[in-house]
Amino acid sequence: MKVAIVGVSGAVGQEFLRILAERAFPIDELVLFGSSRSAGRKYAFRGKEYEVKLLQHNDDFKDIDVAFVSAGGSTSKEFAETITKHGCVMIDNSSAFRMDDDVPLVVPECNAEDALNRPRGIIANPNCTTIMMVVVLQPLEKLSHIKRIRVSSYQSASGAGAAAMDELQQQYKELLNGEPVTVSKFPHQLAYNVIPQIDVFTENGYTKEEMKMFNETRKIMHTDACCSATCVRVSSLRSHSESVWIETERPISVEEARNAIAAAPGCTLVDDPAKLVYPMPLDTAGKDDIFVGRIRKDLADECGLTLWLSGDQIRKGAALNAVQIAEYLFKN
């Protein structure tokens, strides 16, 4: 098995290396690709050192079986044909192809079989907040069809990349030292703040991030459910959280929901509010599962449930989900 990582120097690229090693992914040969800024760098994997090759339009992908691509949408669009033309499967972490009809958008816990039908040789990895939410909603959908979803996200600096995480830490240091605050990766200062904007605004007043949750949820879950989202950047370093309200066709009891989530793949129930036990970013960072708590009946809707979830955006929200897609392909 010959595997490539495109964009290995970024936060998600580095997470690919860790997850592939942790999960003993079957790799006979690993090839790393990057931009001109990254080419020549060396990274260790399973006791060996690998040098980053410059990503170019050539035949470097001729014998590669799968490529994990996390180098931004423009790079994905430019190099998709180069990567896939000899039969390599491209698992793309950008938003470039997610809503294309001939590109499957896959979360293995929900729609793994969609990955088997890939006319262009591309499989899209969904948006991080969508991945985390649908993993939790899928077991509830099996109890009763979900008609409507309302969600507020609390997204950490990690969602904007490694440089954004560095900037948040730098801002706290600058504030403590009474220095001018560096603001580059976010529209406003994030330290000691929350920013009710992720990505740019669209004509309907929702941001692109919020519209991703609407559109991607429907495609992944093969559902007609509408998802209304407010996505917020918060000053935690890593791991996103979401407050989710759902309306189902029939009322689902709290006990039913807890049992379904506790038994679902990719979910861990952490729900004992009487003892102040619920998921938090500090605890979920670095973990594979999505952690769920504060499950309760919606006071405003007889057929409603409310829950809280938290999960690592770089792992299940990005690199881990892509690796799980590849694992499914090789098993099938």
Protein backbone atom coordinates (compact mmCIF):
# COMPACT_ATOMS: atom_id res chain seq x y z
CA MET A 1 0.00 0.00 0.00
CA LYS A 2 1.46 3.29 -1.13
CA VAL A 3 0.08 6.38 0.62
CA ALA A 4 0.62 10.11 0.09
CA ILE A 5 -0.07 13.11 2.31
CA VAL A 6 -0.45 16.42 0.50
CA GLY A 7 -0.04 19.42 2.80
CA VAL A 8 1.87 17.49 5.46
CA SER A 9 3.33 20.59 7.14
CA GLY A 10 -0.07 21.95 8.25
CA ALA A 11 -1.93 21.10 11.46
CA VAL A 12 -4.11 18.48 9.76
CA GLY A 13 -1.16 17.08 7.79
CA GLN A 14 0.77 16.54 11.00
CA GLU A 15 -2.30 14.89 12.54
CA PHE A 16 -2.41 12.49 9.57
CA LEU A 17 1.08 11.29 10.49
CA ARG A 18 0.10 10.71 14.12
CA ILE A 19 -3.18 8.94 13.34
CA LEU A 20 -1.76 6.69 10.62
CA ALA A 21 0.92 5.58 13.09
CA GLU A 22 -1.49 5.12 16.01
CA ARG A 23 -3.94 3.03 13.99
CA ALA A 24 -1.24 0.88 12.37
CA PHE A 25 -2.56 1.83 8.96
CA PRO A 26 -1.19 -0.60 6.32
CA ILE A 27 1.50 1.44 4.58
CA ASP A 28 4.34 -0.07 2.57
CA GLU A 29 5.51 3.27 1.26
CA LEU A 30 4.77 6.85 2.35
CA VAL A 31 5.26 9.93 0.17
CA LEU A 32 4.93 13.47 1.53
CA PHE A 33 4.08 16.49 -0.62
CA GLY A 34 4.03 20.19 0.07
CA SER A 35 4.39 23.67 -1.37
CA SER A 36 7.69 25.34 -2.23
CA ARG A 37 7.78 26.57 1.39
CA SER A 38 7.58 23.02 2.74
CA ALA A 39 9.58 21.08 0.15
CA GLY A 40 12.81 19.72 1.61
CA ARG A 41 11.54 19.55 5.19
CA LYS A 42 11.86 16.17 6.90
CA TYR A 43 9.34 14.41 9.12
CA ALA A 44 9.64 11.18 11.10
CA PHE A 45 7.12 8.36 10.68
CA ARG A 46 7.43 4.93 12.30
CA GLY A 47 11.12 5.41 12.95
CA LYS A 48 12.00 6.60 9.44
CA GLU A 49 12.63 10.10 8.12
CA TYR A 50 10.78 11.32 5.02
CA GLU A 51 11.57 14.40 2.96
CA VAL A 52 8.73 16.53 1.62
CA LYS A 53 8.54 16.60 -2.18
CA LEU A 54 7.32 19.62 -4.12
CA LEU A 55 3.76 19.11 -5.38
CA GLN A 56 3.90 19.37 -9.17
CA HIS A 57 1.94 18.48 -12.29
CA ASN A 58 3.76 15.26 -13.17
CA ASP A 59 3.42 11.49 -12.67
CA ASP A 60 4.43 11.36 -8.98
CA PHE A 61 1.04 9.85 -8.09
CA LYS A 62 1.22 7.05 -10.68
CA ASP A 63 1.72 4.20 -8.18
CA ILE A 64 0.05 5.79 -5.15
CA ASP A 65 -3.12 4.08 -3.89
CA VAL A 66 -4.57 6.83 -1.71
CA ALA A 67 -3.71 10.49 -1.15
CA PHE A 68 -4.84 12.41 1.91
CA VAL A 69 -5.06 16.02 0.72
CA SER A 70 -5.18 18.97 3.11
CA ALA A 71 -3.62 21.92 1.32
CA GLY A 72 -6.60 24.23 0.78
CA GLY A 73 -9.36 24.37 -1.80
CA SER A 74 -7.41 26.12 -4.55
CA THR A 75 -4.64 23.50 -4.42
CA SER A 76 -7.19 20.67 -4.40
CA LYS A 77 -8.91 22.06 -7.48
CA GLU A 78 -5.65 22.65 -9.32
CA PHE A 79 -4.11 19.24 -8.63
CA ALA A 80 -7.16 16.92 -8.49
CA GLU A 81 -6.64 15.62 -12.03
CA THR A 82 -2.90 15.18 -11.49
CA ILE A 83 -3.52 13.19 -8.30
CA THR A 84 -6.29 10.95 -9.64
CA LYS A 85 -5.40 10.42 -13.32
CA HIS A 86 -3.56 7.10 -12.71
CA GLY A 87 -6.16 5.66 -10.31
CA CYS A 88 -5.10 7.14 -6.97
CA VAL A 89 -8.05 7.79 -4.63
CA MET A 90 -8.00 11.40 -3.44
CA ILE A 91 -9.53 11.97 -0.01
CA ASP A 92 -9.85 15.74 0.09
CA ASN A 93 -10.14 17.76 3.26
CA SER A 94 -11.07 21.07 1.61
CA SER A 95 -14.51 22.39 0.66
CA ALA A 96 -13.64 22.29 -3.06
CA PHE A 97 -15.74 19.28 -4.07
CA ARG A 98 -18.09 18.64 -1.15
CA MET A 99 -21.31 19.60 -2.88
CA ASP A 100 -20.45 18.20 -6.33
CA ASP A 101 -22.99 15.55 -7.34
CA ASP A 102 -20.29 13.17 -8.59
CA VAL A 103 -18.15 13.39 -5.44
CA PRO A 104 -19.27 11.45 -2.33
CA LEU A 105 -19.22 13.35 0.98
CA VAL A 106 -18.55 10.76 3.65
CA VAL A 107 -18.68 10.27 7.40
CA PRO A 108 -18.14 6.52 7.89
CA GLU A 109 -20.52 6.24 10.85
CA CYS A 110 -23.30 7.63 8.64
CA ASN A 111 -22.76 6.80 4.96
CA ALA A 112 -19.57 4.78 4.49
CA GLU A 113 -20.95 2.95 1.45
CA ASP A 114 -21.18 6.25 -0.47
CA ALA A 115 -17.35 6.12 -0.71
CA LEU A 116 -17.57 3.14 -3.06
CA ASN A 117 -19.17 5.25 -5.82
CA ARG A 118 -16.60 7.87 -6.79
CA PRO A 119 -16.69 8.60 -10.54
CA ARG A 120 -13.88 11.16 -10.37
CA GLY A 121 -11.70 9.24 -7.92
CA ILE A 122 -12.35 11.91 -5.28
CA ILE A 123 -13.98 11.51 -1.86
CA ALA A 124 -14.70 14.70 0.07
CA ASN A 125 -14.13 15.00 3.80
CA PRO A 126 -16.91 17.15 5.30
CA ASN A 127 -16.62 20.32 7.36
CA CYS A 128 -15.49 19.66 10.92
CA THR A 129 -18.62 20.95 12.67
CA THR A 130 -20.83 18.92 10.34
CA ILE A 131 -18.85 15.72 10.92
CA MET A 132 -19.13 16.04 14.68
CA MET A 133 -22.85 16.74 14.61
CA VAL A 134 -23.93 14.01 12.18
CA VAL A 135 -21.98 11.33 14.09
CA VAL A 136 -24.22 12.13 17.07
CA LEU A 137 -27.45 12.66 15.10
CA GLN A 138 -27.21 9.39 13.14
CA PRO A 139 -28.21 7.12 16.08
CA LEU A 140 -31.10 9.49 16.90
CA GLU A 141 -32.27 9.49 13.27
CA LYS A 142 -32.64 5.70 13.59
CA LEU A 143 -35.06 6.21 16.50
CA SER A 144 -37.21 8.79 14.70
CA HIS A 145 -36.69 10.92 11.60
CA ILE A 146 -35.15 14.29 12.42
CA LYS A 147 -37.19 17.08 10.82
CA ARG A 148 -35.31 20.17 11.96
CA ILE A 149 -31.92 20.94 13.46
CA ARG A 150 -30.82 24.12 15.21
CA VAL A 151 -27.21 24.41 16.32
CA SER A 152 -24.83 26.93 17.84
CA SER A 153 -21.18 26.02 17.51
CA TYR A 154 -18.33 27.05 19.81
CA GLN A 155 -15.29 26.59 17.60
CA SER A 156 -11.72 26.72 18.85
CA ALA A 157 -8.75 28.47 17.30
CA SER A 158 -7.57 25.14 15.85
CA GLY A 159 -10.31 25.37 13.22
CA ALA A 160 -8.37 28.19 11.56
CA GLY A 161 -5.10 26.25 11.50
CA ALA A 162 -1.82 26.03 13.35
CA ALA A 163 -0.96 29.70 12.78
CA ALA A 164 -4.29 30.72 14.33
CA MET A 165 -3.57 28.63 17.42
CA ASP A 166 -0.19 30.36 17.70
CA GLU A 167 -1.86 33.75 17.31
CA LEU A 168 -4.32 33.09 20.16
CA GLN A 169 -1.48 32.15 22.50
CA GLN A 170 0.48 35.19 21.34
CA GLN A 171 -2.51 37.47 22.02
CA TYR A 172 -2.75 36.32 25.64
CA LYS A 173 0.97 36.95 26.15
CA GLU A 174 0.70 40.41 24.57
CA LEU A 175 -2.28 41.33 26.73
CA LEU A 176 -0.55 40.18 29.91
CA ASN A 177 2.54 42.20 28.96
CA GLY A 178 0.54 45.31 28.05
CA GLU A 179 1.65 45.11 24.40
CA PRO A 180 -0.40 45.82 21.25
CA VAL A 181 -2.43 42.78 20.27
CA THR A 182 -1.66 40.99 17.00
CA VAL A 183 -4.83 40.39 14.93
CA SER A 184 -4.21 38.58 11.65
CA LYS A 185 -5.96 35.20 11.45
CA PHE A 186 -9.31 36.37 12.87
CA PRO A 187 -11.50 39.39 12.08
CA HIS A 188 -11.12 40.61 15.70
CA GLN A 189 -9.08 39.88 18.82
CA LEU A 190 -10.00 36.37 19.98
CA ALA A 191 -8.32 36.34 23.39
CA TYR A 192 -10.90 37.04 26.15
CA ASN A 193 -13.52 37.23 23.40
CA VAL A 194 -15.95 35.30 21.20
CA ILE A 195 -16.50 36.16 17.52
CA PRO A 196 -19.93 35.34 16.00
CA GLN A 197 -18.46 34.85 12.54
CA ILE A 198 -16.63 31.93 10.91
CA ASP A 199 -15.87 32.35 7.20
CA VAL A 200 -17.47 35.12 5.11
CA PHE A 201 -21.11 36.19 5.10
CA THR A 202 -23.42 35.18 2.28
CA GLU A 203 -26.40 37.12 0.89
CA ASN A 204 -28.90 35.48 3.27
CA GLY A 205 -27.01 36.70 6.36
CA TYR A 206 -25.53 33.30 7.18
CA THR A 207 -21.79 32.64 6.88
CA LYS A 208 -20.32 30.03 4.55
CA GLU A 209 -19.56 27.87 7.61
CA GLU A 210 -23.22 27.96 8.62
CA MET A 211 -24.38 27.11 5.11
CA LYS A 212 -21.95 24.18 5.04
CA MET A 213 -23.78 22.72 8.02
CA PHE A 214 -27.11 23.12 6.21
CA ASN A 215 -26.03 21.62 2.90
CA GLU A 216 -23.55 18.97 4.03
CA THR A 217 -25.87 17.48 6.67
CA ARG A 218 -28.52 16.83 4.03
CA LYS A 219 -26.04 15.18 1.66
CA ILE A 220 -24.33 12.97 4.27
CA MET A 221 -27.48 11.79 6.05
CA HIS A 222 -29.59 11.60 2.86
CA THR A 223 -32.19 13.66 4.65
CA ASP A 224 -34.62 16.49 4.01
CA ALA A 225 -33.91 17.97 7.45
CA CYS A 226 -33.08 21.68 7.53
CA CYS A 227 -30.22 22.82 9.75
CA SER A 228 -30.11 26.42 11.00
CA ALA A 229 -26.69 27.23 12.44
CA THR A 230 -24.87 30.03 14.23
CA CYS A 231 -21.12 29.38 14.19
CA VAL A 232 -18.99 31.17 16.78
CA ARG A 233 -15.22 31.29 17.29
CA VAL A 234 -14.27 30.98 20.97
CA SER A 235 -10.95 31.37 22.73
CA SER A 236 -10.29 27.71 23.48
CA LEU A 237 -7.20 26.38 21.76
CA ARG A 238 -8.37 23.02 20.43
CA SER A 239 -11.62 21.01 20.21
CA HIS A 240 -14.98 22.35 19.03
CA SER A 241 -18.28 22.18 20.90
CA GLU A 242 -21.89 22.47 19.75
CA SER A 243 -25.25 23.05 21.37
CA VAL A 244 -27.83 21.16 19.28
CA TRP A 245 -31.64 21.26 19.23
CA ILE A 246 -33.48 18.66 17.12
CA GLU A 247 -37.16 18.15 16.30
CA THR A 248 -38.14 14.55 15.51
CA GLU A 249 -41.30 13.05 14.03
CA ARG A 250 -42.18 11.40 17.33
CA PRO A 251 -41.06 12.34 20.82
CA ILE A 252 -37.82 10.62 21.86
CA SER A 253 -37.26 10.14 25.57
CA VAL A 254 -34.03 11.22 27.20
CA GLU A 255 -33.35 7.60 28.18
CA GLU A 256 -33.82 6.42 24.58
CA ALA A 257 -31.44 9.10 23.33
CA ARG A 258 -28.79 8.33 25.95
CA ASN A 259 -28.90 4.60 25.23
CA ALA A 260 -28.69 5.14 21.47
CA ILE A 261 -25.74 7.55 21.73
CA ALA A 262 -23.91 5.37 24.27
CA ALA A 263 -24.11 2.42 21.86
CA ALA A 264 -23.25 4.38 18.70
CA PRO A 265 -19.83 4.10 17.02
CA GLY A 266 -17.74 7.22 17.41
CA CYS A 267 -19.76 8.54 20.38
CA THR A 268 -19.01 8.59 24.10
CA LEU A 269 -21.76 9.53 26.56
CA VAL A 270 -20.56 11.90 29.30
CA ASP A 271 -23.80 12.98 30.92
CA ASP A 272 -24.14 13.34 34.70
CA PRO A 273 -24.92 17.03 35.31
CA ALA A 274 -25.77 16.40 38.96
CA LYS A 275 -22.07 15.67 39.44
CA LEU A 276 -21.01 18.46 37.04
CA VAL A 277 -20.02 15.88 34.43
CA TYR A 278 -20.38 16.94 30.78
CA PRO A 279 -18.03 17.23 27.77
CA MET A 280 -15.58 20.13 27.61
CA PRO A 281 -12.86 21.04 25.11
CA LEU A 282 -10.12 20.62 27.72
CA ASP A 283 -11.11 16.97 28.09
CA THR A 284 -11.95 16.10 24.48
CA ALA A 285 -8.82 17.50 22.81
CA GLY A 286 -6.67 14.70 21.47
CA LYS A 287 -9.50 12.12 21.65
CA ASP A 288 -11.08 10.25 18.75
CA ASP A 289 -14.75 10.13 19.77
CA ILE A 290 -17.39 12.84 19.90
CA PHE A 291 -18.45 13.30 23.52
CA VAL A 292 -22.10 14.00 24.29
CA GLY A 293 -23.87 15.26 27.41
CA ARG A 294 -26.61 17.49 28.81
CA ILE A 295 -29.25 15.48 26.89
CA ARG A 296 -32.67 16.83 27.86
CA LYS A 297 -36.16 17.45 26.56
CA ASP A 298 -36.66 20.70 24.71
CA LEU A 299 -39.02 22.84 26.80
CA ALA A 300 -40.27 24.63 23.69
CA ASP A 301 -41.08 21.55 21.59
CA GLU A 302 -42.82 18.31 22.58
CA CYS A 303 -40.89 16.45 19.85
CA GLY A 304 -37.64 18.23 20.67
CA LEU A 305 -34.38 17.17 22.27
CA THR A 306 -31.43 19.33 23.27
CA LEU A 307 -27.86 18.12 23.69
CA TRP A 308 -24.28 19.31 23.99
CA LEU A 309 -21.30 17.77 22.21
CA SER A 310 -17.56 18.34 22.06
CA GLY A 311 -14.83 16.79 19.93
CA ASP A 312 -11.37 17.32 18.54
CA GLN A 313 -11.67 19.29 15.31
CA ILE A 314 -8.28 18.21 13.97
CA ARG A 315 -8.86 14.51 14.68
CA LYS A 316 -12.45 13.37 14.03
CA GLY A 317 -13.25 16.75 12.48
CA ALA A 318 -10.54 16.28 9.84
CA ALA A 319 -7.68 13.75 9.76
CA LEU A 320 -9.27 10.82 11.60
CA ASN A 321 -12.44 10.92 9.49
CA ALA A 322 -10.34 10.79 6.31
CA VAL A 323 -8.29 7.85 7.60
CA GLN A 324 -11.49 6.00 8.57
CA ILE A 325 -12.76 6.49 5.01
CA ALA A 326 -9.57 4.89 3.67
CA GLU A 327 -9.85 2.03 6.17
CA TYR A 328 -13.38 1.34 4.96
CA LEU A 329 -12.26 1.34 1.32
CA PHE A 330 -9.50 -1.18 1.96
CA LYS A 331 -11.85 -3.48 3.86
CA ASN A 332 -14.36 -3.38 1.03
